[in-house]
């Protein structure tokens, strides 16, 4: 299982946009037009953290986790 590390710091411009450094995009394999899922965590009622996950990877995780459960619900087992 992987750990967490600081990869980059980004700024938010007046339009609310952020730029991910090219070196990081290349390392992760993110290209123009790719979609990312944004997950957030709350602490004491405030959002304190966000994570970005490639949509294909996120959907694969959900299918692996929810697929068997959905099968059980539809078959009644």
N, C-alpha and C. Protein backbone atom coordinates (compact mmCIF):
# COMPACT_ATOMS: atom_id res chain seq x y z
N UNK A 1 0.85 -1.18 0.00
CA UNK A 1 0.00 0.00 0.00
C UNK A 1 0.89 1.24 0.00
N UNK A 2 0.56 2.20 -0.82
CA UNK A 2 1.37 3.40 -0.95
C UNK A 2 1.15 4.37 0.19
N UNK A 3 2.10 5.27 0.33
CA UNK A 3 2.00 6.31 1.35
C UNK A 3 1.71 7.65 0.72
N UNK A 4 1.58 8.63 1.55
CA UNK A 4 1.31 9.99 1.10
C UNK A 4 2.60 10.78 1.06
N UNK A 5 2.69 11.71 0.13
CA UNK A 5 3.84 12.60 0.05
C UNK A 5 3.41 13.91 -0.60
N UNK A 6 4.11 14.95 -0.30
CA UNK A 6 3.85 16.24 -0.93
C UNK A 6 4.51 16.21 -2.30
N UNK A 7 3.70 16.35 -3.34
CA UNK A 7 4.21 16.31 -4.71
C UNK A 7 4.43 17.71 -5.27
N UNK A 8 3.59 18.66 -4.87
CA UNK A 8 3.69 20.01 -5.41
C UNK A 8 2.80 20.92 -4.58
N UNK A 9 3.04 22.21 -4.73
CA UNK A 9 2.14 23.22 -4.18
C UNK A 9 1.61 24.01 -5.36
N UNK A 10 0.32 24.28 -5.35
CA UNK A 10 -0.30 25.02 -6.45
C UNK A 10 -1.04 26.23 -5.89
N UNK A 11 -1.25 27.21 -6.74
CA UNK A 11 -2.00 28.41 -6.38
C UNK A 11 -3.33 28.40 -7.12
N UNK A 12 -4.31 29.06 -6.54
CA UNK A 12 -5.61 29.22 -7.17
C UNK A 12 -5.68 30.65 -7.71
N UNK A 13 -6.04 30.79 -9.00
CA UNK A 13 -6.13 32.14 -9.57
C UNK A 13 -7.50 32.75 -9.30
N UNK A 14 -7.70 33.97 -9.79
CA UNK A 14 -8.94 34.69 -9.51
C UNK A 14 -10.17 34.01 -10.10
N UNK A 15 -9.97 33.13 -11.09
CA UNK A 15 -11.10 32.38 -11.67
C UNK A 15 -11.33 31.05 -10.97
N UNK A 16 -10.52 30.76 -9.95
CA UNK A 16 -10.66 29.50 -9.22
C UNK A 16 -9.94 28.35 -9.86
N UNK A 17 -9.07 28.61 -10.82
CA UNK A 17 -8.36 27.56 -11.53
C UNK A 17 -6.98 27.34 -10.90
N UNK A 18 -6.54 26.08 -10.99
CA UNK A 18 -5.22 25.70 -10.51
C UNK A 18 -4.45 25.06 -11.66
N UNK A 19 -3.15 25.19 -11.64
CA UNK A 19 -2.31 24.54 -12.64
C UNK A 19 -1.44 23.52 -11.92
N UNK A 20 -1.54 22.27 -12.39
CA UNK A 20 -0.70 21.22 -11.85
C UNK A 20 0.62 21.24 -12.63
N UNK A 21 1.75 21.26 -11.96
CA UNK A 21 3.04 21.33 -12.66
C UNK A 21 3.20 20.22 -13.69
N UNK A 22 3.82 20.57 -14.83
CA UNK A 22 4.00 19.62 -15.92
C UNK A 22 4.73 18.36 -15.48
N UNK A 23 5.76 18.50 -14.66
CA UNK A 23 6.51 17.33 -14.20
C UNK A 23 5.60 16.35 -13.46
N UNK A 24 4.67 16.87 -12.67
CA UNK A 24 3.74 16.02 -11.93
C UNK A 24 2.72 15.39 -12.87
N UNK A 25 2.20 16.18 -13.82
CA UNK A 25 1.26 15.61 -14.80
C UNK A 25 1.92 14.48 -15.58
N UNK A 26 3.16 14.69 -16.00
CA UNK A 26 3.88 13.64 -16.73
C UNK A 26 4.08 12.40 -15.87
N UNK A 27 4.46 12.60 -14.63
CA UNK A 27 4.71 11.48 -13.70
C UNK A 27 3.44 10.65 -13.48
N UNK A 28 2.30 11.35 -13.37
CA UNK A 28 1.04 10.68 -13.09
C UNK A 28 0.37 10.18 -14.37
N UNK A 29 0.73 10.78 -15.49
CA UNK A 29 0.12 10.39 -16.77
C UNK A 29 -1.19 11.11 -17.03
N UNK A 30 -1.30 12.34 -16.55
CA UNK A 30 -2.50 13.14 -16.78
C UNK A 30 -2.29 13.98 -18.03
N UNK A 31 -3.29 13.90 -18.94
CA UNK A 31 -3.24 14.65 -20.19
C UNK A 31 -4.42 15.60 -20.26
N UNK A 32 -4.33 16.58 -21.16
CA UNK A 32 -5.43 17.52 -21.37
C UNK A 32 -6.71 16.73 -21.66
N UNK A 33 -7.79 17.11 -21.02
CA UNK A 33 -9.08 16.44 -21.23
C UNK A 33 -9.35 15.30 -20.27
N UNK A 34 -8.33 14.82 -19.55
CA UNK A 34 -8.56 13.75 -18.58
C UNK A 34 -9.49 14.24 -17.48
N UNK A 35 -10.25 13.34 -16.91
CA UNK A 35 -11.16 13.67 -15.82
C UNK A 35 -10.61 13.13 -14.51
N UNK A 36 -10.79 13.91 -13.44
CA UNK A 36 -10.36 13.51 -12.10
C UNK A 36 -11.53 13.59 -11.15
N UNK A 37 -11.58 12.66 -10.21
CA UNK A 37 -12.58 12.69 -9.13
C UNK A 37 -11.96 13.46 -7.97
N UNK A 38 -12.73 14.36 -7.37
CA UNK A 38 -12.27 15.12 -6.21
C UNK A 38 -12.96 14.57 -4.98
N UNK A 39 -12.18 14.06 -4.04
CA UNK A 39 -12.70 13.58 -2.76
C UNK A 39 -12.34 14.58 -1.69
N UNK A 40 -13.24 14.77 -0.73
CA UNK A 40 -12.95 15.71 0.35
C UNK A 40 -13.12 15.04 1.70
N UNK A 41 -12.38 15.55 2.66
CA UNK A 41 -12.48 15.11 4.05
C UNK A 41 -12.85 16.31 4.89
N UNK A 42 -13.66 16.04 5.94
CA UNK A 42 -14.05 17.10 6.84
C UNK A 42 -13.41 16.90 8.21
N UNK A 43 -13.13 18.00 8.85
CA UNK A 43 -12.66 18.00 10.23
C UNK A 43 -13.42 19.09 10.97
N UNK A 44 -14.12 18.68 11.98
CA UNK A 44 -14.91 19.62 12.78
C UNK A 44 -15.87 20.42 11.92
N UNK A 45 -16.46 19.77 10.93
CA UNK A 45 -17.48 20.39 10.08
C UNK A 45 -16.96 21.18 8.90
N UNK A 46 -15.65 21.36 8.80
CA UNK A 46 -15.07 22.11 7.69
C UNK A 46 -14.28 21.16 6.79
N UNK A 47 -14.36 21.40 5.47
CA UNK A 47 -13.53 20.63 4.56
C UNK A 47 -12.09 21.07 4.77
N UNK A 48 -11.22 20.11 5.06
CA UNK A 48 -9.83 20.44 5.33
C UNK A 48 -8.88 19.87 4.28
N UNK A 49 -9.30 18.84 3.58
CA UNK A 49 -8.40 18.14 2.65
C UNK A 49 -9.16 17.70 1.41
N UNK A 50 -8.46 17.69 0.29
CA UNK A 50 -9.02 17.10 -0.93
C UNK A 50 -7.98 16.18 -1.55
N UNK A 51 -8.45 15.19 -2.27
CA UNK A 51 -7.59 14.29 -3.03
C UNK A 51 -8.12 14.22 -4.44
N UNK A 52 -7.23 14.09 -5.40
CA UNK A 52 -7.60 13.92 -6.80
C UNK A 52 -7.27 12.49 -7.20
N UNK A 53 -8.22 11.82 -7.86
CA UNK A 53 -8.03 10.44 -8.31
C UNK A 53 -8.45 10.37 -9.77
N UNK A 54 -7.64 9.73 -10.59
CA UNK A 54 -8.02 9.53 -11.99
C UNK A 54 -9.36 8.81 -12.02
N UNK A 55 -10.27 9.30 -12.87
CA UNK A 55 -11.63 8.75 -12.92
C UNK A 55 -11.63 7.26 -13.23
N UNK A 56 -10.83 6.82 -14.18
CA UNK A 56 -10.80 5.39 -14.53
C UNK A 56 -10.40 4.54 -13.33
N UNK A 57 -9.41 5.00 -12.58
CA UNK A 57 -8.95 4.26 -11.40
C UNK A 57 -10.05 4.24 -10.34
N UNK A 58 -10.69 5.37 -10.12
CA UNK A 58 -11.77 5.46 -9.13
C UNK A 58 -12.92 4.52 -9.50
N UNK A 59 -13.33 4.54 -10.78
CA UNK A 59 -14.42 3.67 -11.22
C UNK A 59 -14.06 2.20 -11.07
N UNK A 60 -12.80 1.86 -11.32
CA UNK A 60 -12.34 0.48 -11.15
C UNK A 60 -12.46 0.05 -9.68
N UNK A 61 -12.05 0.95 -8.77
CA UNK A 61 -12.15 0.65 -7.34
C UNK A 61 -13.62 0.45 -6.95
N UNK A 62 -14.49 1.33 -7.42
CA UNK A 62 -15.91 1.23 -7.07
C UNK A 62 -16.52 -0.05 -7.63
N UNK A 63 -16.15 -0.41 -8.85
CA UNK A 63 -16.67 -1.63 -9.45
C UNK A 63 -16.21 -2.85 -8.65
N UNK A 64 -14.93 -2.87 -8.26
CA UNK A 64 -14.40 -3.99 -7.47
C UNK A 64 -15.09 -4.11 -6.12
N UNK A 65 -15.38 -2.96 -5.51
CA UNK A 65 -15.99 -2.96 -4.16
C UNK A 65 -17.50 -3.14 -4.21
N UNK A 66 -18.15 -2.44 -5.14
CA UNK A 66 -19.61 -2.45 -5.18
C UNK A 66 -20.19 -3.56 -6.06
N UNK A 67 -19.42 -4.02 -7.04
CA UNK A 67 -19.91 -5.05 -7.95
C UNK A 67 -20.42 -6.28 -7.23
N UNK A 68 -19.62 -6.90 -6.34
CA UNK A 68 -20.11 -8.08 -5.62
C UNK A 68 -21.35 -7.77 -4.77
N UNK A 69 -21.37 -6.60 -4.14
CA UNK A 69 -22.51 -6.24 -3.31
C UNK A 69 -23.76 -6.07 -4.16
N UNK A 70 -23.62 -5.46 -5.34
CA UNK A 70 -24.76 -5.27 -6.22
C UNK A 70 -25.29 -6.62 -6.72
N UNK A 71 -24.37 -7.55 -6.98
CA UNK A 71 -24.77 -8.89 -7.39
C UNK A 71 -25.59 -9.57 -6.31
N UNK A 72 -25.17 -9.42 -5.05
CA UNK A 72 -25.90 -10.00 -3.94
C UNK A 72 -27.29 -9.38 -3.80
N UNK A 73 -27.39 -8.08 -4.03
CA UNK A 73 -28.69 -7.41 -3.92
C UNK A 73 -29.66 -7.86 -5.01
N UNK A 74 -29.14 -8.06 -6.21
CA UNK A 74 -30.03 -8.44 -7.32
C UNK A 74 -30.39 -9.91 -7.30
N UNK A 75 -29.55 -10.75 -6.70
CA UNK A 75 -29.85 -12.18 -6.65
C UNK A 75 -30.49 -12.58 -5.32
N UNK A 76 -30.44 -11.69 -4.34
CA UNK A 76 -31.03 -11.98 -3.03
C UNK A 76 -30.21 -12.92 -2.18
N UNK A 77 -28.94 -13.11 -2.50
CA UNK A 77 -28.08 -14.01 -1.72
C UNK A 77 -27.23 -13.24 -0.76
